[in-house]
Amino acid sequence: MRGYTVATVALALDIPIKWIDNTLSHHTVPGVVQARQGIARRLTSEAVVVLETALHLIRSLEMPTARALLIAQELTATREPRYSIGLCEVRLDLDDIRTAVSARLAYAVEISPVPRRGRPPKTR
């Protein structure tokens, strides 16, 4: 299974890297691989779909991030495009979201630089 860097995902979703880092630091998203401090996070394509779905909910309904992530996880896990909130129902076209995320990730992988890790080489 392919893993994407936070920088690549930020580029694909057109959001700041800091938003993703803060969100992943405070909330659990399935498909995010975190080893330990100093090791970069990797996100699966399904985790990116969860983030994109949550972003739709946050932007469209001005929903808090924690609530949006929970609903996005449930929507993507069940593959059911509907979610009832009281008397309201939210419908999302998950197939369109997946297709768009896949295309944007492919583009982002091509243009995003691979982050260098470790100390920079000594200059003489």
PDB file of N, CA and C in Angstrom:
ATOM      1  N   MET A   1       0.841  -1.169   0.000  1.00  0.00           N
ATOM      2  CA  MET A   1       0.000   0.000   0.000  1.00  0.00           C
ATOM      3  C   MET A   1       0.895   1.244   0.000  1.00  0.00           C
ATOM      4  N   ARG A   2       0.607   2.170  -0.843  1.00  0.00           N
ATOM      5  CA  ARG A   2       1.410   3.377  -0.996  1.00  0.00           C
ATOM      6  C   ARG A   2       1.140   4.345   0.149  1.00  0.00           C
ATOM      7  N   GLY A   3       2.197   5.011   0.587  1.00  0.00           N
ATOM      8  CA  GLY A   3       2.071   6.035   1.609  1.00  0.00           C
ATOM      9  C   GLY A   3       2.539   7.366   1.062  1.00  0.00           C
ATOM     10  N   TYR A   4       1.812   8.420   1.375  1.00  0.00           N
ATOM     11  CA  TYR A   4       2.136   9.757   0.898  1.00  0.00           C
ATOM     12  C   TYR A   4       2.640  10.600   2.056  1.00  0.00           C
ATOM     13  N   THR A   5       3.572  11.493   1.759  1.00  0.00           N
ATOM     14  CA  THR A   5       4.085  12.393   2.792  1.00  0.00           C
ATOM     15  C   THR A   5       3.046  13.466   3.076  1.00  0.00           C
ATOM     16  N   VAL A   6       3.204  14.120   4.215  1.00  0.00           N
ATOM     17  CA  VAL A   6       2.307  15.203   4.595  1.00  0.00           C
ATOM     18  C   VAL A   6       2.408  16.337   3.571  1.00  0.00           C
ATOM     19  N   ALA A   7       3.608  16.607   3.077  1.00  0.00           N
ATOM     20  CA  ALA A   7       3.794  17.672   2.089  1.00  0.00           C
ATOM     21  C   ALA A   7       3.058  17.359   0.790  1.00  0.00           C
ATOM     22  N   THR A   8       3.111  16.118   0.354  1.00  0.00           N
ATOM     23  CA  THR A   8       2.417  15.717  -0.869  1.00  0.00           C
ATOM     24  C   THR A   8       0.909  15.831  -0.699  1.00  0.00           C
ATOM     25  N   VAL A   9       0.418  15.401   0.450  1.00  0.00           N
ATOM     26  CA  VAL A   9      -1.018  15.474   0.720  1.00  0.00           C
ATOM     27  C   VAL A   9      -1.469  16.937   0.793  1.00  0.00           C
ATOM     28  N   ALA A  10      -0.671  17.774   1.440  1.00  0.00           N
ATOM     29  CA  ALA A  10      -1.015  19.193   1.529  1.00  0.00           C
ATOM     30  C   ALA A  10      -1.104  19.819   0.142  1.00  0.00           C
ATOM     31  N   LEU A  11      -0.185  19.454  -0.718  1.00  0.00           N
ATOM     32  CA  LEU A  11      -0.191  19.958  -2.092  1.00  0.00           C
ATOM     33  C   LEU A  11      -1.427  19.452  -2.845  1.00  0.00           C
ATOM     34  N   ALA A  12      -1.750  18.188  -2.666  1.00  0.00           N
ATOM     35  CA  ALA A  12      -2.897  17.599  -3.361  1.00  0.00           C
ATOM     36  C   ALA A  12      -4.225  18.193  -2.883  1.00  0.00           C
ATOM     37  N   LEU A  13      -4.340  18.471  -1.589  1.00  0.00           N
ATOM     38  CA  LEU A  13      -5.592  18.992  -1.039  1.00  0.00           C
ATOM     39  C   LEU A  13      -5.635  20.519  -0.999  1.00  0.00           C
ATOM     40  N   ASP A  14      -4.523  21.142  -1.372  1.00  0.00           N
ATOM     41  CA  ASP A  14      -4.422  22.603  -1.392  1.00  0.00           C
ATOM     42  C   ASP A  14      -4.707  23.206  -0.014  1.00  0.00           C
ATOM     43  N   ILE A  15      -4.026  22.645   0.991  1.00  0.00           N
ATOM     44  CA  ILE A  15      -4.133  23.148   2.356  1.00  0.00           C
ATOM     45  C   ILE A  15      -2.732  23.237   2.941  1.00  0.00           C
ATOM     46  N   PRO A  16      -2.564  24.031   3.984  1.00  0.00           N
ATOM     47  CA  PRO A  16      -1.227  24.150   4.594  1.00  0.00           C
ATOM     48  C   PRO A  16      -0.768  22.846   5.260  1.00  0.00           C
ATOM     49  N   ILE A  17       0.523  22.603   5.195  1.00  0.00           N
ATOM     50  CA  ILE A  17       1.107  21.433   5.866  1.00  0.00           C
ATOM     51  C   ILE A  17       0.799  21.488   7.354  1.00  0.00           C
ATOM     52  N   LYS A  18       0.860  22.682   7.920  1.00  0.00           N
ATOM     53  CA  LYS A  18       0.632  22.857   9.356  1.00  0.00           C
ATOM     54  C   LYS A  18      -0.770  22.380   9.759  1.00  0.00           C
ATOM     55  N   TRP A  19      -1.772  22.602   8.894  1.00  0.00           N
ATOM     56  CA  TRP A  19      -3.127  22.145   9.219  1.00  0.00           C
ATOM     57  C   TRP A  19      -3.150  20.625   9.329  1.00  0.00           C
ATOM     58  N   ILE A  20      -2.500  19.952   8.382  1.00  0.00           N
ATOM     59  CA  ILE A  20      -2.472  18.482   8.430  1.00  0.00           C
ATOM     60  C   ILE A  20      -1.722  18.003   9.667  1.00  0.00           C
ATOM     61  N   ASP A  21      -0.556  18.580   9.930  1.00  0.00           N
ATOM     62  CA  ASP A  21       0.218  18.180  11.113  1.00  0.00           C
ATOM     63  C   ASP A  21      -0.583  18.382  12.397  1.00  0.00           C
ATOM     64  N   ASN A  22      -1.208  19.535  12.544  1.00  0.00           N
ATOM     65  CA  ASN A  22      -2.004  19.797  13.744  1.00  0.00           C
ATOM     66  C   ASN A  22      -3.184  18.844  13.852  1.00  0.00           C
ATOM     67  N   THR A  23      -3.853  18.613  12.746  1.00  0.00           N
ATOM     68  CA  THR A  23      -5.004  17.713  12.745  1.00  0.00           C
ATOM     69  C   THR A  23      -4.590  16.294  13.124  1.00  0.00           C
ATOM     70  N   LEU A  24      -3.504  15.816  12.535  1.00  0.00           N
ATOM     71  CA  LEU A  24      -3.057  14.452  12.829  1.00  0.00           C
ATOM     72  C   LEU A  24      -2.457  14.328  14.226  1.00  0.00           C
ATOM     73  N   SER A  25      -1.971  15.429  14.782  1.00  0.00           N
ATOM     74  CA  SER A  25      -1.444  15.410  16.154  1.00  0.00           C
ATOM     75  C   SER A  25      -2.561  15.322  17.187  1.00  0.00           C
ATOM     76  N   HIS A  26      -3.717  15.897  16.858  1.00  0.00           N
ATOM     77  CA  HIS A  26      -4.814  15.956  17.827  1.00  0.00           C
ATOM     78  C   HIS A  26      -5.913  14.931  17.589  1.00  0.00           C
ATOM     79  N   HIS A  27      -5.960  14.339  16.401  1.00  0.00           N
ATOM     80  CA  HIS A  27      -7.042  13.412  16.063  1.00  0.00           C
ATOM     81  C   HIS A  27      -6.466  12.158  15.404  1.00  0.00           C
ATOM     82  N   THR A  28      -7.164  11.059  15.599  1.00  0.00           N
ATOM     83  CA  THR A  28      -6.750   9.798  14.987  1.00  0.00           C
ATOM     84  C   THR A  28      -7.480   9.631  13.658  1.00  0.00           C
ATOM     85  N   VAL A  29      -6.709   9.375  12.621  1.00  0.00           N
ATOM     86  CA  VAL A  29      -7.267   9.121  11.297  1.00  0.00           C
ATOM     87  C   VAL A  29      -6.735   7.769  10.839  1.00  0.00           C
ATOM     88  N   PRO A  30      -7.628   6.805  10.550  1.00  0.00           N
ATOM     89  CA  PRO A  30      -7.153   5.505  10.075  1.00  0.00           C
ATOM     90  C   PRO A  30      -6.374   5.660   8.772  1.00  0.00           C
ATOM     91  N   GLY A  31      -5.284   4.919   8.668  1.00  0.00           N
ATOM     92  CA  GLY A  31      -4.476   4.975   7.463  1.00  0.00           C
ATOM     93  C   GLY A  31      -3.285   5.914   7.577  1.00  0.00           C
ATOM     94  N   VAL A  32      -3.096   6.487   8.761  1.00  0.00           N
ATOM     95  CA  VAL A  32      -1.934   7.343   8.999  1.00  0.00           C
ATOM     96  C   VAL A  32      -0.915   6.529   9.772  1.00  0.00           C
ATOM     97  N   VAL A  33       0.280   6.405   9.197  1.00  0.00           N
ATOM     98  CA  VAL A  33       1.343   5.622   9.822  1.00  0.00           C
ATOM     99  C   VAL A  33       2.300   6.585  10.512  1.00  0.00           C
ATOM    100  N   GLN A  34       2.382   6.439  11.825  1.00  0.00           N
ATOM    101  CA  GLN A  34       3.292   7.241  12.626  1.00  0.00           C
ATOM    102  C   GLN A  34       4.171   6.280  13.404  1.00  0.00           C
ATOM    103  N   ALA A  35       5.458   6.339  13.169  1.00  0.00           N
ATOM    104  CA  ALA A  35       6.362   5.424  13.864  1.00  0.00           C
ATOM    105  C   ALA A  35       6.788   6.021  15.209  1.00  0.00           C
ATOM    106  N   ARG A  36       7.641   7.009  15.155  1.00  0.00           N
ATOM    107  CA  ARG A  36       8.111   7.674  16.372  1.00  0.00           C
ATOM    108  C   ARG A  36       8.620   9.050  15.987  1.00  0.00           C
ATOM    109  N   GLN A  37       9.033   9.792  16.979  1.00  0.00           N
ATOM    110  CA  GLN A  37       9.535  11.140  16.715  1.00  0.00           C
ATOM    111  C   GLN A  37      10.732  11.081  15.768  1.00  0.00           C
ATOM    112  N   GLY A  38      10.733  11.966  14.792  1.00  0.00           N
ATOM    113  CA  GLY A  38      11.819  11.997  13.826  1.00  0.00           C
ATOM    114  C   GLY A  38      11.539  11.212  12.558  1.00  0.00           C
ATOM    115  N   ILE A  39      10.494  10.396  12.586  1.00  0.00           N
ATOM    116  CA  ILE A  39      10.096   9.626  11.411  1.00  0.00           C
ATOM    117  C   ILE A  39       8.865  10.308  10.812  1.00  0.00           C
ATOM    118  N   ALA A  40       8.944  10.637   9.541  1.00  0.00           N
ATOM    119  CA  ALA A  40       7.849  11.356   8.885  1.00  0.00           C
ATOM    120  C   ALA A  40       6.593  10.493   8.813  1.00  0.00           C
ATOM    121  N   ARG A  41       5.450  11.131   9.000  1.00  0.00           N
ATOM    122  CA  ARG A  41       4.170  10.434   8.853  1.00  0.00           C
ATOM    123  C   ARG A  41       3.950  10.055   7.399  1.00  0.00           C
ATOM    124  N   ARG A  42       3.245   8.959   7.199  1.00  0.00           N
ATOM    125  CA  ARG A  42       2.838   8.534   5.853  1.00  0.00           C
ATOM    126  C   ARG A  42       1.327   8.336   5.901  1.00  0.00           C
ATOM    127  N   LEU A  43       0.649   8.753   4.852  1.00  0.00           N
ATOM    128  CA  LEU A  43      -0.797   8.644   4.781  1.00  0.00           C
ATOM    129  C   LEU A  43      -1.182   7.770   3.596  1.00  0.00           C
ATOM    130  N   THR A  44      -2.102   6.858   3.831  1.00  0.00           N
ATOM    131  CA  THR A  44      -2.613   6.046   2.735  1.00  0.00           C
ATOM    132  C   THR A  44      -3.606   6.878   1.934  1.00  0.00           C
ATOM    133  N   SER A  45      -3.953   6.401   0.757  1.00  0.00           N
ATOM    134  CA  SER A  45      -4.917   7.141  -0.066  1.00  0.00           C
ATOM    135  C   SER A  45      -6.270   7.221   0.627  1.00  0.00           C
ATOM    136  N   GLU A  46      -6.625   6.205   1.390  1.00  0.00           N
ATOM    137  CA  GLU A  46      -7.912   6.237   2.102  1.00  0.00           C
ATOM    138  C   GLU A  46      -7.894   7.292   3.212  1.00  0.00           C
ATOM    139  N   ALA A  47      -6.757   7.483   3.851  1.00  0.00           N
ATOM    140  CA  ALA A  47      -6.643   8.545   4.867  1.00  0.00           C
ATOM    141  C   ALA A  47      -6.792   9.917   4.212  1.00  0.00           C
ATOM    142  N   VAL A  48      -6.261  10.058   3.010  1.00  0.00           N
ATOM    143  CA  VAL A  48      -6.379  11.323   2.283  1.00  0.00           C
ATOM    144  C   VAL A  48      -7.845  11.565   1.899  1.00  0.00           C
ATOM    145  N   VAL A  49      -8.571  10.516   1.540  1.00  0.00           N
ATOM    146  CA  VAL A  49      -9.997  10.656   1.224  1.00  0.00           C
ATOM    147  C   VAL A  49     -10.768  11.089   2.470  1.00  0.00           C
ATOM    148  N   VAL A  50     -10.414  10.540   3.618  1.00  0.00           N
ATOM    149  CA  VAL A  50     -11.057  10.954   4.877  1.00  0.00           C
ATOM    150  C   VAL A  50     -10.800  12.437   5.124  1.00  0.00           C
ATOM    151  N   LEU A  51      -9.554  12.881   4.958  1.00  0.00           N
ATOM    152  CA  LEU A  51      -9.238  14.295   5.162  1.00  0.00           C
ATOM    153  C   LEU A  51      -9.995  15.184   4.174  1.00  0.00           C
ATOM    154  N   GLU A  52     -10.052  14.796   2.921  1.00  0.00           N
ATOM    155  CA  GLU A  52     -10.763  15.592   1.913  1.00  0.00           C
ATOM    156  C   GLU A  52     -12.253  15.651   2.224  1.00  0.00           C
ATOM    157  N   THR A  53     -12.828  14.539   2.637  1.00  0.00           N
ATOM    158  CA  THR A  53     -14.243  14.519   3.007  1.00  0.00           C
ATOM    159  C   THR A  53     -14.490  15.422   4.207  1.00  0.00           C
ATOM    160  N   ALA A  54     -13.613  15.352   5.191  1.00  0.00           N
ATOM    161  CA  ALA A  54     -13.732  16.221   6.366  1.00  0.00           C
ATOM    162  C   ALA A  54     -13.615  17.691   5.963  1.00  0.00           C
ATOM    163  N   LEU A  55     -12.707  17.995   5.052  1.00  0.00           N
ATOM    164  CA  LEU A  55     -12.561  19.371   4.584  1.00  0.00           C
ATOM    165  C   LEU A  55     -13.833  19.871   3.910  1.00  0.00           C
ATOM    166  N   HIS A  56     -14.506  19.012   3.145  1.00  0.00           N
ATOM    167  CA  HIS A  56     -15.788  19.393   2.532  1.00  0.00           C
ATOM    168  C   HIS A  56     -16.804  19.753   3.619  1.00  0.00           C
ATOM    169  N   LEU A  57     -16.857  18.936   4.668  1.00  0.00           N
ATOM    170  CA  LEU A  57     -17.802  19.187   5.756  1.00  0.00           C
ATOM    171  C   LEU A  57     -17.449  20.469   6.519  1.00  0.00           C
ATOM    172  N   ILE A  58     -16.167  20.673   6.752  1.00  0.00           N
ATOM    173  CA  ILE A  58     -15.714  21.865   7.472  1.00  0.00           C
ATOM    174  C   ILE A  58     -16.034  23.125   6.672  1.00  0.00           C
ATOM    175  N   ARG A  59     -15.731  23.091   5.388  1.00  0.00           N
ATOM    176  CA  ARG A  59     -15.932  24.280   4.547  1.00  0.00           C
ATOM    177  C   ARG A  59     -17.406  24.538   4.252  1.00  0.00           C
ATOM    178  N   SER A  60     -18.152  23.489   3.968  1.00  0.00           N
ATOM    179  CA  SER A  60     -19.548  23.660   3.571  1.00  0.00           C
ATOM    180  C   SER A  60     -20.482  23.927   4.743  1.00  0.00           C
ATOM    181  N   LEU A  61     -20.264  23.215   5.834  1.00  0.00           N
ATOM    182  CA  LEU A  61     -21.181  23.293   6.973  1.00  0.00           C
ATOM    183  C   LEU A  61     -20.583  24.008   8.179  1.00  0.00           C
ATOM    184  N   GLU A  62     -19.349  24.499   8.032  1.00  0.00           N
ATOM    185  CA  GLU A  62     -18.638  25.144   9.143  1.00  0.00           C
ATOM    186  C   GLU A  62     -18.646  24.254  10.386  1.00  0.00           C
ATOM    187  N   MET A  63     -18.405  22.976  10.144  1.00  0.00           N
ATOM    188  CA  MET A  63     -18.414  21.968  11.182  1.00  0.00           C
ATOM    189  C   MET A  63     -17.056  21.936  11.893  1.00  0.00           C
ATOM    190  N   PRO A  64     -17.027  21.692  13.195  1.00  0.00           N
ATOM    191  CA  PRO A  64     -15.737  21.553  13.892  1.00  0.00           C
ATOM    192  C   PRO A  64     -14.939  20.372  13.336  1.00  0.00           C
ATOM    193  N   THR A  65     -13.635  20.492  13.375  1.00  0.00           N
ATOM    194  CA  THR A  65     -12.754  19.479  12.783  1.00  0.00           C
ATOM    195  C   THR A  65     -12.978  18.090  13.370  1.00  0.00           C
ATOM    196  N   ALA A  66     -13.080  17.991  14.690  1.00  0.00           N
ATOM    197  CA  ALA A  66     -13.242  16.679  15.322  1.00  0.00           C
ATOM    198  C   ALA A  66     -14.512  15.991  14.835  1.00  0.00           C
ATOM    199  N   ARG A  67     -15.598  16.724  14.787  1.00  0.00           N
ATOM    200  CA  ARG A  67     -16.888  16.161  14.334  1.00  0.00           C
ATOM    201  C   ARG A  67     -16.819  15.784  12.846  1.00  0.00           C
ATOM    202  N   ALA A  68     -16.209  16.660  12.046  1.00  0.00           N
ATOM    203  CA  ALA A  68     -16.090  16.406  10.610  1.00  0.00           C
ATOM    204  C   ALA A  68     -15.262  15.147  10.344  1.00  0.00           C
ATOM    205  N   LEU A  69     -14.197  14.960  11.098  1.00  0.00           N
ATOM    206  CA  LEU A  69     -13.367  13.763  10.917  1.00  0.00           C
ATOM    207  C   LEU A  69     -14.125  12.491  11.285  1.00  0.00           C
ATOM    208  N   LEU A  70     -14.892  12.540  12.366  1.00  0.00           N
ATOM    209  CA  LEU A  70     -15.677  11.363  12.758  1.00  0.00           C
ATOM    210  C   LEU A  70     -16.696  11.000  11.687  1.00  0.00           C
ATOM    211  N   ILE A  71     -17.397  11.997  11.169  1.00  0.00           N
ATOM    212  CA  ILE A  71     -18.395  11.743  10.126  1.00  0.00           C
ATOM    213  C   ILE A  71     -17.709  11.253   8.849  1.00  0.00           C
ATOM    214  N   ALA A  72     -16.593  11.874   8.482  1.00  0.00           N
ATOM    215  CA  ALA A  72     -15.854  11.467   7.284  1.00  0.00           C
ATOM    216  C   ALA A  72     -15.367  10.024   7.399  1.00  0.00           C
ATOM    217  N   GLN A  73     -14.884   9.644   8.575  1.00  0.00           N
ATOM    218  CA  GLN A  73     -14.431   8.271   8.774  1.00  0.00           C
ATOM    219  C   GLN A  73     -15.588   7.292   8.637  1.00  0.00           C
ATOM    220  N   GLU A  74     -16.726   7.653   9.196  1.00  0.00           N
ATOM    221  CA  GLU A  74     -17.878   6.764   9.103  1.00  0.00           C
ATOM    222  C   GLU A  74     -18.373   6.652   7.662  1.00  0.00           C
ATOM    223  N   LEU A  75     -18.436   7.789   6.966  1.00  0.00           N
ATOM    224  CA  LEU A  75     -18.882   7.773   5.568  1.00  0.00           C
ATOM    225  C   LEU A  75     -17.965   6.936   4.689  1.00  0.00           C
ATOM    226  N   THR A  76     -16.664   7.091   4.840  1.00  0.00           N
ATOM    227  CA  THR A  76     -15.737   6.356   3.983  1.00  0.00           C
ATOM    228  C   THR A  76     -15.626   4.883   4.378  1.00  0.00           C
ATOM    229  N   ALA A  77     -15.816   4.578   5.651  1.00  0.00           N
ATOM    230  CA  ALA A  77     -15.725   3.185   6.100  1.00  0.00           C
ATOM    231  C   ALA A  77     -16.929   2.369   5.630  1.00  0.00           C
ATOM    232  N   THR A  78     -18.112   2.973   5.652  1.00  0.00           N
ATOM    233  CA  THR A  78     -19.320   2.236   5.278  1.00  0.00           C
ATOM    234  C   THR A  78     -19.608   2.328   3.791  1.00  0.00           C
ATOM    235  N   ARG A  79     -18.935   3.260   3.109  1.00  0.00           N
ATOM    236  CA  ARG A  79     -19.146   3.504   1.680  1.00  0.00           C
ATOM    237  C   ARG A  79     -20.587   3.956   1.390  1.00  0.00           C
ATOM    238  N   GLU A  80     -21.249   4.418   2.441  1.00  0.00           N
ATOM    239  CA  GLU A  80     -22.610   4.938   2.307  1.00  0.00           C
ATOM    240  C   GLU A  80     -22.522   6.454   2.168  1.00  0.00           C
ATOM    241  N   PRO A  81     -23.075   7.008   1.086  1.00  0.00           N
ATOM    242  CA  PRO A  81     -22.907   8.444   0.843  1.00  0.00           C
ATOM    243  C   PRO A  81     -23.806   9.345   1.672  1.00  0.00           C
ATOM    244  N   ARG A  82     -24.521   8.783   2.658  1.00  0.00           N
ATOM    245  CA  ARG A  82     -25.442   9.579   3.477  1.00  0.00           C
ATOM    246  C   ARG A  82     -25.072   9.493   4.941  1.00  0.00           C
ATOM    247  N   TYR A  83     -25.334  10.611   5.615  1.00  0.00           N
ATOM    248  CA  TYR A  83     -25.132  10.645   7.064  1.00  0.00           C
ATOM    249  C   TYR A  83     -26.215  11.527   7.649  1.00  0.00           C
ATOM    250  N   SER A  84     -26.948  11.003   8.625  1.00  0.00           N
ATOM    251  CA  SER A  84     -28.023  11.768   9.253  1.00  0.00           C
ATOM    252  C   SER A  84     -27.513  12.468  10.502  1.00  0.00           C
ATOM    253  N   ILE A  85     -27.842  13.751  10.569  1.00  0.00           N
ATOM    254  CA  ILE A  85     -27.529  14.564  11.746  1.00  0.00           C
ATOM    255  C   ILE A  85     -28.848  15.149  12.214  1.00  0.00           C
ATOM    256  N   GLY A  86     -29.445  14.508  13.204  1.00  0.00           N
ATOM    257  CA  GLY A  86     -30.752  14.971  13.660  1.00  0.00           C
ATOM    258  C   GLY A  86     -31.763  14.853  12.539  1.00  0.00           C
ATOM    259  N   LEU A  87     -32.401  15.973  12.180  1.00  0.00           N
ATOM    260  CA  LEU A  87     -33.391  15.986  11.111  1.00  0.00           C
ATOM    261  C   LEU A  87     -32.766  16.248   9.745  1.00  0.00           C
ATOM    262  N   CYS A  88     -31.477  16.500   9.715  1.00  0.00           N
ATOM    263  CA  CYS A  88     -30.779  16.798   8.456  1.00  0.00           C
ATOM    264  C   CYS A  88     -30.050  15.551   7.954  1.00  0.00           C
ATOM    265  N   GLU A  89     -29.823  15.544   6.665  1.00  0.00           N
ATOM    266  CA  GLU A  89     -29.065  14.458   6.067  1.00  0.00           C
ATOM    267  C   GLU A  89     -27.994  15.051   5.155  1.00  0.00           C
ATOM    268  N   VAL A  90     -26.784  14.574   5.323  1.00  0.00           N
ATOM    269  CA  VAL A  90     -25.663  15.015   4.495  1.00  0.00           C
ATOM    270  C   VAL A  90     -25.395  13.923   3.470  1.00  0.00           C
ATOM    271  N   ARG A  91     -25.287  14.337   2.210  1.00  0.00           N
ATOM    272  CA  ARG A  91     -24.980  13.386   1.144  1.00  0.00           C
ATOM    273  C   ARG A  91     -23.725  13.863   0.428  1.00  0.00           C
ATOM    274  N   LEU A  92     -22.792  12.956   0.233  1.00  0.00           N
ATOM    275  CA  LEU A  92     -21.563  13.264  -0.487  1.00  0.00           C
ATOM    276  C   LEU A  92     -21.358  12.233  -1.578  1.00  0.00           C
ATOM    277  N   ASP A  93     -20.828  12.659  -2.686  1.00  0.00           N
ATOM    278  CA  ASP A  93     -20.503  11.736  -3.771  1.00  0.00           C
ATOM    279  C   ASP A  93     -19.080  11.224  -3.527  1.00  0.00           C
ATOM    280  N   LEU A  94     -18.979  10.139  -2.783  1.00  0.00           N
ATOM    281  CA  LEU A  94     -17.672   9.606  -2.391  1.00  0.00           C
ATOM    282  C   LEU A  94     -16.860   9.125  -3.582  1.00  0.00           C
ATOM    283  N   ASP A  95     -17.532   8.626  -4.610  1.00  0.00           N
ATOM    284  CA  ASP A  95     -16.800   8.185  -5.807  1.00  0.00           C
ATOM    285  C   ASP A  95     -16.105   9.365  -6.476  1.00  0.00           C
ATOM    286  N   ASP A  96     -16.800  10.498  -6.571  1.00  0.00           N
ATOM    287  CA  ASP A  96     -16.186  11.702  -7.144  1.00  0.00           C
ATOM    288  C   ASP A  96     -15.023  12.188  -6.283  1.00  0.00           C
ATOM    289  N   ILE A  97     -15.194  12.132  -4.969  1.00  0.00           N
ATOM    290  CA  ILE A  97     -14.121  12.560  -4.065  1.00  0.00           C
ATOM    291  C   ILE A  97     -12.903  11.656  -4.242  1.00  0.00           C
ATOM    292  N   ARG A  98     -13.125  10.346  -4.277  1.00  0.00           N
ATOM    293  CA  ARG A  98     -12.013   9.395  -4.462  1.00  0.00           C
ATOM    294  C   ARG A  98     -11.299   9.617  -5.797  1.00  0.00           C
ATOM    295  N   THR A  99     -12.065   9.823  -6.858  1.00  0.00           N
ATOM    296  CA  THR A  99     -11.483  10.043  -8.183  1.00  0.00           C
ATOM    297  C   THR A  99     -10.656  11.326  -8.200  1.00  0.00           C
ATOM    298  N   ALA A 100     -11.203  12.393  -7.633  1.00  0.00           N
ATOM    299  CA  ALA A 100     -10.489  13.677  -7.602  1.00  0.00           C
ATOM    300  C   ALA A 100      -9.230  13.586  -6.754  1.00  0.00           C
ATOM    301  N   VAL A 101      -9.325  12.939  -5.606  1.00  0.00           N
ATOM    302  CA  VAL A 101      -8.156  12.797  -4.724  1.00  0.00           C
ATOM    303  C   VAL A 101      -7.074  11.974  -5.414  1.00  0.00           C
ATOM    304  N   SER A 102      -7.476  10.901  -6.076  1.00  0.00           N
ATOM    305  CA  SER A 102      -6.510  10.055  -6.776  1.00  0.00           C
ATOM    306  C   SER A 102      -5.765  10.843  -7.854  1.00  0.00           C
ATOM    307  N   ALA A 103      -6.490  11.617  -8.626  1.00  0.00           N
ATOM    308  CA  ALA A 103      -5.855  12.418  -9.686  1.00  0.00           C
ATOM    309  C   ALA A 103      -4.941  13.486  -9.103  1.00  0.00           C
ATOM    310  N   ARG A 104      -5.388  14.153  -8.055  1.00  0.00           N
ATOM    311  CA  ARG A 104      -4.564  15.216  -7.454  1.00  0.00           C
ATOM    312  C   ARG A 104      -3.340  14.644  -6.757  1.00  0.00           C
ATOM    313  N   LEU A 105      -3.461  13.461  -6.153  1.00  0.00           N
ATOM    314  CA  LEU A 105      -2.295  12.819  -5.537  1.00  0.00           C
ATOM    315  C   LEU A 105      -1.265  12.435  -6.597  1.00  0.00           C
ATOM    316  N   ALA A 106      -1.729  11.903  -7.715  1.00  0.00           N
ATOM    317  CA  ALA A 106      -0.810  11.527  -8.791  1.00  0.00           C
ATOM    318  C   ALA A 106      -0.037  12.748  -9.285  1.00  0.00           C
ATOM    319  N   TYR A 107      -0.731  13.858  -9.427  1.00  0.00           N
ATOM    320  CA  TYR A 107      -0.076  15.098  -9.862  1.00  0.00           C
ATOM    321  C   TYR A 107       0.892  15.606  -8.785  1.00  0.00           C
ATOM    322  N   ALA A 108       0.463  15.568  -7.531  1.00  0.00           N
ATOM    323  CA  ALA A 108       1.294  16.066  -6.433  1.00  0.00           C
ATOM    324  C   ALA A 108       2.571  15.247  -6.274  1.00  0.00           C
ATOM    325  N   VAL A 109       2.482  13.950  -6.494  1.00  0.00           N
ATOM    326  CA  VAL A 109       3.662  13.087  -6.388  1.00  0.00           C
ATOM    327  C   VAL A 109       4.697  13.478  -7.437  1.00  0.00           C
ATOM    328  N   GLU A 110       4.227  13.846  -8.616  1.00  0.00           N
ATOM    329  CA  GLU A 110       5.151  14.225  -9.688  1.00  0.00           C
ATOM    330  C   GLU A 110       5.863  15.538  -9.417  1.00  0.00           C
ATOM    331  N   ILE A 111       5.184  16.495  -8.797  1.00  0.00           N
ATOM    332  CA  ILE A 111       5.787  17.820  -8.655  1.00  0.00           C
ATOM    333  C   ILE A 111       6.347  18.110  -7.269  1.00  0.00           C
ATOM    334  N   SER A 112       6.010  17.305  -6.262  1.00  0.00           N
ATOM    335  CA  SER A 112       6.509  17.598  -4.916  1.00  0.00           C
ATOM    336  C   SER A 112       7.900  17.000  -4.725  1.00  0.00           C
ATOM    337  N   PRO A 113       8.769  17.755  -4.081  1.00  0.00           N
ATOM    338  CA  PRO A 113      10.117  17.236  -3.844  1.00  0.00           C
ATOM    339  C   PRO A 113      10.113  16.198  -2.729  1.00  0.00           C
ATOM    340  N   VAL A 114      11.057  15.284  -2.790  1.00  0.00           N
ATOM    341  CA  VAL A 114      11.216  14.296  -1.733  1.00  0.00           C
ATOM    342  C   VAL A 114      11.978  14.977  -0.600  1.00  0.00           C
ATOM    343  N   PRO A 115      11.398  14.993   0.608  1.00  0.00           N
ATOM    344  CA  PRO A 115      12.069  15.696   1.703  1.00  0.00           C
ATOM    345  C   PRO A 115      13.371  15.002   2.098  1.00  0.00           C
ATOM    346  N   ARG A 116      14.406  15.804   2.300  1.00  0.00           N
ATOM    347  CA  ARG A 116      15.682  15.256   2.761  1.00  0.00           C
ATOM    348  C   ARG A 116      15.614  15.080   4.259  1.00  0.00           C
ATOM    349  N   ARG A 117      16.166  13.999   4.732  1.00  0.00           N
ATOM    350  CA  ARG A 117      16.163  13.700   6.167  1.00  0.00           C
ATOM    351  C   ARG A 117      17.610  13.746   6.663  1.00  0.00           C
ATOM    352  N   GLY A 118      17.749  14.033   7.930  1.00  0.00           N
ATOM    353  CA  GLY A 118      19.071  13.993   8.544  1.00  0.00           C
ATOM    354  C   GLY A 118      19.832  15.302   8.412  1.00  0.00           C
ATOM    355  N   ARG A 119      21.059  15.236   8.800  1.00  0.00           N
ATOM    356  CA  ARG A 119      21.908  16.430   8.775  1.00  0.00           C
ATOM    357  C   ARG A 119      22.349  16.742   7.351  1.00  0.00           C
ATOM    358  N   PRO A 120      22.473  18.025   7.082  1.00  0.00           N
ATOM    359  CA  PRO A 120      22.994  18.377   5.745  1.00  0.00           C
ATOM    360  C   PRO A 120      24.454  18.002   5.629  1.00  0.00           C
ATOM    361  N   PRO A 121      24.925  17.707   4.431  1.00  0.00           N
ATOM    362  CA  PRO A 121      26.324  17.344   4.262  1.00  0.00           C
ATOM    363  C   PRO A 121      27.235  18.529   4.619  1.00  0.00           C
ATOM    364  N   LYS A 122      28.419  18.191   5.113  1.00  0.00           N
ATOM    365  CA  LYS A 122      29.386  19.241   5.447  1.00  0.00           C
ATOM    366  C   LYS A 122      29.911  19.907   4.194  1.00  0.00           C
ATOM    367  N   THR A 123      30.068  21.209   4.285  1.00  0.00           N
ATOM    368  CA  THR A 123      30.653  21.946   3.157  1.00  0.00           C
ATOM    369  C   THR A 123      32.136  22.168   3.462  1.00  0.00           C
ATOM    370  N   ARG A 124      32.935  22.112   2.449  1.00  0.00           N
ATOM    371  CA  ARG A 124      34.376  22.273   2.651  1.00  0.00           C
ATOM    372  C   ARG A 124      34.839  23.594   2.219  1.00  0.00           C
TER     373      ARG A 124
END
